[in-house]
Amino acid sequence: MSTNRTAPPSTFQAGYGTPAAPVAAQGKAAGPVLVAATIAMGLMAGLFFAFDVSVMPGLAKGDDRTYVTAMQNINKAIENGLFGLVFVGAFVATGVAAYLQYKAGRRTAAFWAAAATVLYVAALMVTMGVNIPLNNQLAAAGDPAHITDFHGVREKFEGTWVATNMLRTLLCTAGLAALTRALFLHGRGSR
């Protein structure tokens, strides 16, 4: 009795008896999720970059009261749903993109997406470890109408916050470059 070693295409994975459709769906989702991750990472890199090249240099030219008041207002204004969606979405989408690329057999694209995830996690660690505590410290200074030492409040905040924001910009920009490479490889169908 001879056995045919080339079976016709099936909707089932060989030997597992499970539908292949979820695997195909993951493969189809890999591209759009990678695009979403790239957009979210680009938005975060752009936000941090805008602070580096315009917001912070502009505020640096003002007096201490203006600086403290403006940064308190900016820190309150940025706590909104859209920012939260992009801030968290960049992490989630990038991690999911790496996973989907890997599951689709695109190991090189998965590597670059995973590298972007690591870079973004580093940016999150800087944010959580330095920038947010500084923002909280600035908020704890209280209502500007009651602050008596604007210069002292600014001095404890400005230098470190600006330097770590530049680091976040570099990390997110490197993450964006890694995702761009992953997109290129995905588009070529590289394994």
C-alpha atoms as a PDB file:
ATOM      1  CA  MET A   1       0.000   0.000   0.000  1.00  0.00           C
ATOM      2  CA  SER A   2       1.528   3.278  -1.044  1.00  0.00           C
ATOM      3  CA  THR A   3       0.914   6.512   0.822  1.00  0.00           C
ATOM      4  CA  ASN A   4       0.671   9.845  -0.857  1.00  0.00           C
ATOM      5  CA  ARG A   5       3.099  12.143   0.911  1.00  0.00           C
ATOM      6  CA  THR A   6       1.691  15.302  -0.630  1.00  0.00           C
ATOM      7  CA  ALA A   7      -1.697  15.936   0.869  1.00  0.00           C
ATOM      8  CA  PRO A   8      -4.061  18.440  -0.693  1.00  0.00           C
ATOM      9  CA  PRO A   9      -4.381  21.797   1.022  1.00  0.00           C
ATOM     10  CA  SER A  10      -6.536  21.593   4.102  1.00  0.00           C
ATOM     11  CA  THR A  11      -8.121  23.976   6.539  1.00  0.00           C
ATOM     12  CA  PHE A  12      -6.517  21.936   9.315  1.00  0.00           C
ATOM     13  CA  GLN A  13      -2.928  22.004  10.481  1.00  0.00           C
ATOM     14  CA  ALA A  14      -1.250  18.676   9.928  1.00  0.00           C
ATOM     15  CA  GLY A  15      -1.322  16.442  12.963  1.00  0.00           C
ATOM     16  CA  TYR A  16      -3.129  18.868  15.239  1.00  0.00           C
ATOM     17  CA  GLY A  17      -6.724  18.828  14.054  1.00  0.00           C
ATOM     18  CA  THR A  18      -7.080  22.562  14.692  1.00  0.00           C
ATOM     19  CA  PRO A  19      -8.206  25.084  12.132  1.00  0.00           C
ATOM     20  CA  ALA A  20      -5.429  26.966  10.350  1.00  0.00           C
ATOM     21  CA  ALA A  21      -7.575  30.100  10.098  1.00  0.00           C
ATOM     22  CA  PRO A  22      -6.310  31.674  13.354  1.00  0.00           C
ATOM     23  CA  VAL A  23      -2.734  31.353  12.090  1.00  0.00           C
ATOM     24  CA  ALA A  24      -3.737  32.960   8.800  1.00  0.00           C
ATOM     25  CA  ALA A  25      -5.563  35.715  10.688  1.00  0.00           C
ATOM     26  CA  GLN A  26      -2.445  36.395  12.776  1.00  0.00           C
ATOM     27  CA  GLY A  27      -0.443  36.640   9.549  1.00  0.00           C
ATOM     28  CA  LYS A  28      -2.915  39.113   8.091  1.00  0.00           C
ATOM     29  CA  ALA A  29      -2.934  41.184  11.284  1.00  0.00           C
ATOM     30  CA  ALA A  30       0.875  41.341  11.431  1.00  0.00           C
ATOM     31  CA  GLY A  31       1.157  44.136   8.866  1.00  0.00           C
ATOM     32  CA  PRO A  32      -1.571  46.463  10.191  1.00  0.00           C
ATOM     33  CA  VAL A  33      -0.409  46.024  13.794  1.00  0.00           C
ATOM     34  CA  LEU A  34       3.152  46.834  12.728  1.00  0.00           C
ATOM     35  CA  VAL A  35       1.898  49.975  10.971  1.00  0.00           C
ATOM     36  CA  ALA A  36      -0.065  51.001  14.101  1.00  0.00           C
ATOM     37  CA  ALA A  37       3.006  50.417  16.267  1.00  0.00           C
ATOM     38  CA  THR A  38       5.140  52.540  13.957  1.00  0.00           C
ATOM     39  CA  ILE A  39       2.630  55.393  13.997  1.00  0.00           C
ATOM     40  CA  ALA A  40       2.301  55.294  17.794  1.00  0.00           C
ATOM     41  CA  MET A  41       6.087  55.200  18.254  1.00  0.00           C
ATOM     42  CA  GLY A  42       6.454  58.084  15.802  1.00  0.00           C
ATOM     43  CA  LEU A  43       3.893  60.128  17.717  1.00  0.00           C
ATOM     44  CA  MET A  44       5.735  59.540  20.998  1.00  0.00           C
ATOM     45  CA  ALA A  45       9.119  60.381  19.469  1.00  0.00           C
ATOM     46  CA  GLY A  46       7.572  63.509  17.947  1.00  0.00           C
ATOM     47  CA  LEU A  47       6.011  64.577  21.241  1.00  0.00           C
ATOM     48  CA  PHE A  48       9.299  64.268  23.121  1.00  0.00           C
ATOM     49  CA  PHE A  49      11.165  65.963  20.260  1.00  0.00           C
ATOM     50  CA  ALA A  50       8.727  68.899  20.290  1.00  0.00           C
ATOM     51  CA  PHE A  51       9.532  69.447  23.972  1.00  0.00           C
ATOM     52  CA  ASP A  52      13.279  69.299  23.177  1.00  0.00           C
ATOM     53  CA  VAL A  53      13.270  71.813  20.356  1.00  0.00           C
ATOM     54  CA  SER A  54      10.444  74.219  21.167  1.00  0.00           C
ATOM     55  CA  VAL A  55       8.563  73.870  24.457  1.00  0.00           C
ATOM     56  CA  MET A  56      11.496  73.673  26.868  1.00  0.00           C
ATOM     57  CA  PRO A  57      13.754  76.184  25.048  1.00  0.00           C
ATOM     58  CA  GLY A  58      10.798  78.574  24.862  1.00  0.00           C
ATOM     59  CA  LEU A  59      10.010  78.208  28.555  1.00  0.00           C
ATOM     60  CA  ALA A  60      13.704  78.534  29.431  1.00  0.00           C
ATOM     61  CA  LYS A  61      13.601  82.122  28.168  1.00  0.00           C
ATOM     62  CA  GLY A  62      10.806  83.048  30.585  1.00  0.00           C
ATOM     63  CA  ASP A  63      10.906  83.980  34.251  1.00  0.00           C
ATOM     64  CA  ASP A  64      10.665  81.378  37.028  1.00  0.00           C
ATOM     65  CA  ARG A  65       6.984  81.970  37.797  1.00  0.00           C
ATOM     66  CA  THR A  66       5.990  81.597  34.130  1.00  0.00           C
ATOM     67  CA  TYR A  67       8.111  78.447  33.820  1.00  0.00           C
ATOM     68  CA  VAL A  68       6.639  76.719  36.879  1.00  0.00           C
ATOM     69  CA  THR A  69       3.062  77.738  36.066  1.00  0.00           C
ATOM     70  CA  ALA A  70       3.338  76.659  32.428  1.00  0.00           C
ATOM     71  CA  MET A  71       4.883  73.272  33.273  1.00  0.00           C
ATOM     72  CA  GLN A  72       2.223  72.610  35.909  1.00  0.00           C
ATOM     73  CA  ASN A  73      -0.454  73.393  33.323  1.00  0.00           C
ATOM     74  CA  ILE A  74       1.228  71.259  30.637  1.00  0.00           C
ATOM     75  CA  ASN A  75       1.518  68.320  33.040  1.00  0.00           C
ATOM     76  CA  LYS A  76      -2.195  68.573  33.859  1.00  0.00           C
ATOM     77  CA  ALA A  77      -3.250  69.000  30.225  1.00  0.00           C
ATOM     78  CA  ILE A  78      -1.299  65.982  28.973  1.00  0.00           C
ATOM     79  CA  GLU A  79      -3.217  63.663  31.310  1.00  0.00           C
ATOM     80  CA  ASN A  80      -5.960  62.905  28.821  1.00  0.00           C
ATOM     81  CA  GLY A  81      -7.369  59.861  27.078  1.00  0.00           C
ATOM     82  CA  LEU A  82      -5.796  60.477  23.691  1.00  0.00           C
ATOM     83  CA  PHE A  83      -2.309  60.835  25.142  1.00  0.00           C
ATOM     84  CA  GLY A  84      -2.873  57.771  27.333  1.00  0.00           C
ATOM     85  CA  LEU A  85      -4.000  55.756  24.322  1.00  0.00           C
ATOM     86  CA  VAL A  86      -0.851  56.600  22.352  1.00  0.00           C
ATOM     87  CA  PHE A  87       1.486  56.333  25.372  1.00  0.00           C
ATOM     88  CA  VAL A  88       0.270  52.838  26.303  1.00  0.00           C
ATOM     89  CA  GLY A  89      -0.657  51.907  22.729  1.00  0.00           C
ATOM     90  CA  ALA A  90       2.921  52.351  21.535  1.00  0.00           C
ATOM     91  CA  PHE A  91       4.034  49.728  24.037  1.00  0.00           C
ATOM     92  CA  VAL A  92       1.197  47.285  23.415  1.00  0.00           C
ATOM     93  CA  ALA A  93       1.190  47.596  19.616  1.00  0.00           C
ATOM     94  CA  THR A  94       4.968  47.260  19.363  1.00  0.00           C
ATOM     95  CA  GLY A  95       5.039  44.170  21.557  1.00  0.00           C
ATOM     96  CA  VAL A  96       2.110  42.585  19.714  1.00  0.00           C
ATOM     97  CA  ALA A  97       3.727  43.459  16.372  1.00  0.00           C
ATOM     98  CA  ALA A  98       6.917  41.633  17.394  1.00  0.00           C
ATOM     99  CA  TYR A  99       4.890  38.596  18.462  1.00  0.00           C
ATOM    100  CA  LEU A 100       2.808  38.529  15.265  1.00  0.00           C
ATOM    101  CA  GLN A 101       5.878  38.904  13.063  1.00  0.00           C
ATOM    102  CA  TYR A 102       7.470  35.997  14.891  1.00  0.00           C
ATOM    103  CA  LYS A 103       4.329  33.843  14.600  1.00  0.00           C
ATOM    104  CA  ALA A 104       4.138  34.651  10.878  1.00  0.00           C
ATOM    105  CA  GLY A 105       7.671  33.306  10.455  1.00  0.00           C
ATOM    106  CA  ARG A 106       9.241  36.704   9.818  1.00  0.00           C
ATOM    107  CA  ARG A 107      12.056  36.304  12.329  1.00  0.00           C
ATOM    108  CA  THR A 108      14.146  39.265  11.177  1.00  0.00           C
ATOM    109  CA  ALA A 109      11.177  41.650  11.211  1.00  0.00           C
ATOM    110  CA  ALA A 110      10.242  40.238  14.629  1.00  0.00           C
ATOM    111  CA  PHE A 111      13.771  40.950  15.873  1.00  0.00           C
ATOM    112  CA  TRP A 112      13.522  44.616  14.843  1.00  0.00           C
ATOM    113  CA  ALA A 113      10.048  44.991  16.348  1.00  0.00           C
ATOM    114  CA  ALA A 114      11.292  43.350  19.555  1.00  0.00           C
ATOM    115  CA  ALA A 115      14.247  45.770  19.608  1.00  0.00           C
ATOM    116  CA  ALA A 116      11.767  48.647  19.289  1.00  0.00           C
ATOM    117  CA  THR A 117       9.799  47.205  22.206  1.00  0.00           C
ATOM    118  CA  VAL A 118      12.928  47.093  24.368  1.00  0.00           C
ATOM    119  CA  LEU A 119      13.791  50.688  23.429  1.00  0.00           C
ATOM    120  CA  TYR A 120      10.289  51.862  24.288  1.00  0.00           C
ATOM    121  CA  VAL A 121      10.380  49.989  27.604  1.00  0.00           C
ATOM    122  CA  ALA A 122      13.613  51.864  28.373  1.00  0.00           C
ATOM    123  CA  ALA A 123      11.821  55.148  27.569  1.00  0.00           C
ATOM    124  CA  LEU A 124       8.961  54.098  29.867  1.00  0.00           C
ATOM    125  CA  MET A 125      11.431  53.335  32.648  1.00  0.00           C
ATOM    126  CA  VAL A 126      12.955  56.814  32.288  1.00  0.00           C
ATOM    127  CA  THR A 127       9.467  58.321  32.269  1.00  0.00           C
ATOM    128  CA  MET A 128       8.293  56.401  35.332  1.00  0.00           C
ATOM    129  CA  GLY A 129      11.581  56.670  37.200  1.00  0.00           C
ATOM    130  CA  VAL A 130      12.468  60.304  36.559  1.00  0.00           C
ATOM    131  CA  ASN A 131      10.034  62.465  34.590  1.00  0.00           C
ATOM    132  CA  ILE A 132       6.795  61.528  36.365  1.00  0.00           C
ATOM    133  CA  PRO A 133       8.321  61.904  39.857  1.00  0.00           C
ATOM    134  CA  LEU A 134       9.624  65.328  38.802  1.00  0.00           C
ATOM    135  CA  ASN A 135       6.181  66.241  37.459  1.00  0.00           C
ATOM    136  CA  ASN A 136       4.637  65.130  40.765  1.00  0.00           C
ATOM    137  CA  GLN A 137       7.202  67.144  42.706  1.00  0.00           C
ATOM    138  CA  LEU A 138       6.360  70.194  40.607  1.00  0.00           C
ATOM    139  CA  ALA A 139       2.634  69.674  41.240  1.00  0.00           C
ATOM    140  CA  ALA A 140       3.305  69.259  44.976  1.00  0.00           C
ATOM    141  CA  ALA A 141       4.790  72.761  45.017  1.00  0.00           C
ATOM    142  CA  GLY A 142       1.151  73.827  44.942  1.00  0.00           C
ATOM    143  CA  ASP A 143      -0.827  76.638  43.433  1.00  0.00           C
ATOM    144  CA  PRO A 144       1.456  79.269  41.892  1.00  0.00           C
ATOM    145  CA  ALA A 145      -0.445  81.899  43.878  1.00  0.00           C
ATOM    146  CA  HIS A 146       1.065  80.389  47.054  1.00  0.00           C
ATOM    147  CA  ILE A 147       4.584  79.465  45.886  1.00  0.00           C
ATOM    148  CA  THR A 148       7.191  81.739  47.440  1.00  0.00           C
ATOM    149  CA  ASP A 149      10.375  80.316  45.852  1.00  0.00           C
ATOM    150  CA  PHE A 150       9.737  79.848  42.131  1.00  0.00           C
ATOM    151  CA  HIS A 151      13.455  79.767  41.402  1.00  0.00           C
ATOM    152  CA  GLY A 152      14.044  76.878  43.836  1.00  0.00           C
ATOM    153  CA  VAL A 153      11.093  74.895  42.444  1.00  0.00           C
ATOM    154  CA  ARG A 154      12.330  75.409  38.885  1.00  0.00           C
ATOM    155  CA  GLU A 155      15.927  74.562  39.755  1.00  0.00           C
ATOM    156  CA  LYS A 156      14.938  71.176  41.216  1.00  0.00           C
ATOM    157  CA  PHE A 157      12.976  70.350  38.060  1.00  0.00           C
ATOM    158  CA  GLU A 158      14.376  71.839  34.884  1.00  0.00           C
ATOM    159  CA  GLY A 159      17.873  70.423  34.315  1.00  0.00           C
ATOM    160  CA  THR A 160      17.078  66.786  35.049  1.00  0.00           C
ATOM    161  CA  TRP A 161      13.708  66.838  33.294  1.00  0.00           C
ATOM    162  CA  VAL A 162      15.164  68.353  30.123  1.00  0.00           C
ATOM    163  CA  ALA A 163      18.081  65.887  30.026  1.00  0.00           C
ATOM    164  CA  THR A 164      15.893  62.825  30.555  1.00  0.00           C
ATOM    165  CA  ASN A 165      13.396  64.046  27.982  1.00  0.00           C
ATOM    166  CA  MET A 166      16.220  64.176  25.441  1.00  0.00           C
ATOM    167  CA  LEU A 167      17.017  60.572  26.371  1.00  0.00           C
ATOM    168  CA  ARG A 168      13.365  59.618  25.813  1.00  0.00           C
ATOM    169  CA  THR A 169      13.492  61.294  22.421  1.00  0.00           C
ATOM    170  CA  LEU A 170      16.582  59.295  21.454  1.00  0.00           C
ATOM    171  CA  LEU A 171      15.093  56.010  22.682  1.00  0.00           C
ATOM    172  CA  CYS A 172      11.788  56.522  20.865  1.00  0.00           C
ATOM    173  CA  THR A 173      13.516  57.710  17.696  1.00  0.00           C
ATOM    174  CA  ALA A 174      15.697  54.593  17.739  1.00  0.00           C
ATOM    175  CA  GLY A 175      12.518  52.547  18.319  1.00  0.00           C
ATOM    176  CA  LEU A 176      10.914  54.267  15.338  1.00  0.00           C
ATOM    177  CA  ALA A 177      13.928  53.429  13.185  1.00  0.00           C
ATOM    178  CA  ALA A 178      13.735  49.780  14.303  1.00  0.00           C
ATOM    179  CA  LEU A 179      10.025  49.620  13.470  1.00  0.00           C
ATOM    180  CA  THR A 180      10.691  51.224  10.096  1.00  0.00           C
ATOM    181  CA  ARG A 181      13.215  48.461   9.406  1.00  0.00           C
ATOM    182  CA  ALA A 182      10.641  45.851  10.511  1.00  0.00           C
ATOM    183  CA  LEU A 183       8.065  47.408   8.160  1.00  0.00           C
ATOM    184  CA  PHE A 184      10.529  47.278   5.281  1.00  0.00           C
ATOM    185  CA  LEU A 185      11.296  43.614   5.971  1.00  0.00           C
ATOM    186  CA  HIS A 186       7.606  42.810   6.376  1.00  0.00           C
ATOM    187  CA  GLY A 187       6.865  44.457   3.040  1.00  0.00           C
ATOM    188  CA  ARG A 188       9.547  42.398   1.344  1.00  0.00           C
ATOM    189  CA  GLY A 189       8.198  39.245   2.953  1.00  0.00           C
ATOM    190  CA  SER A 190      11.625  38.595   4.456  1.00  0.00           C
ATOM    191  CA  ARG A 191      11.959  35.733   6.869  1.00  0.00           C
END
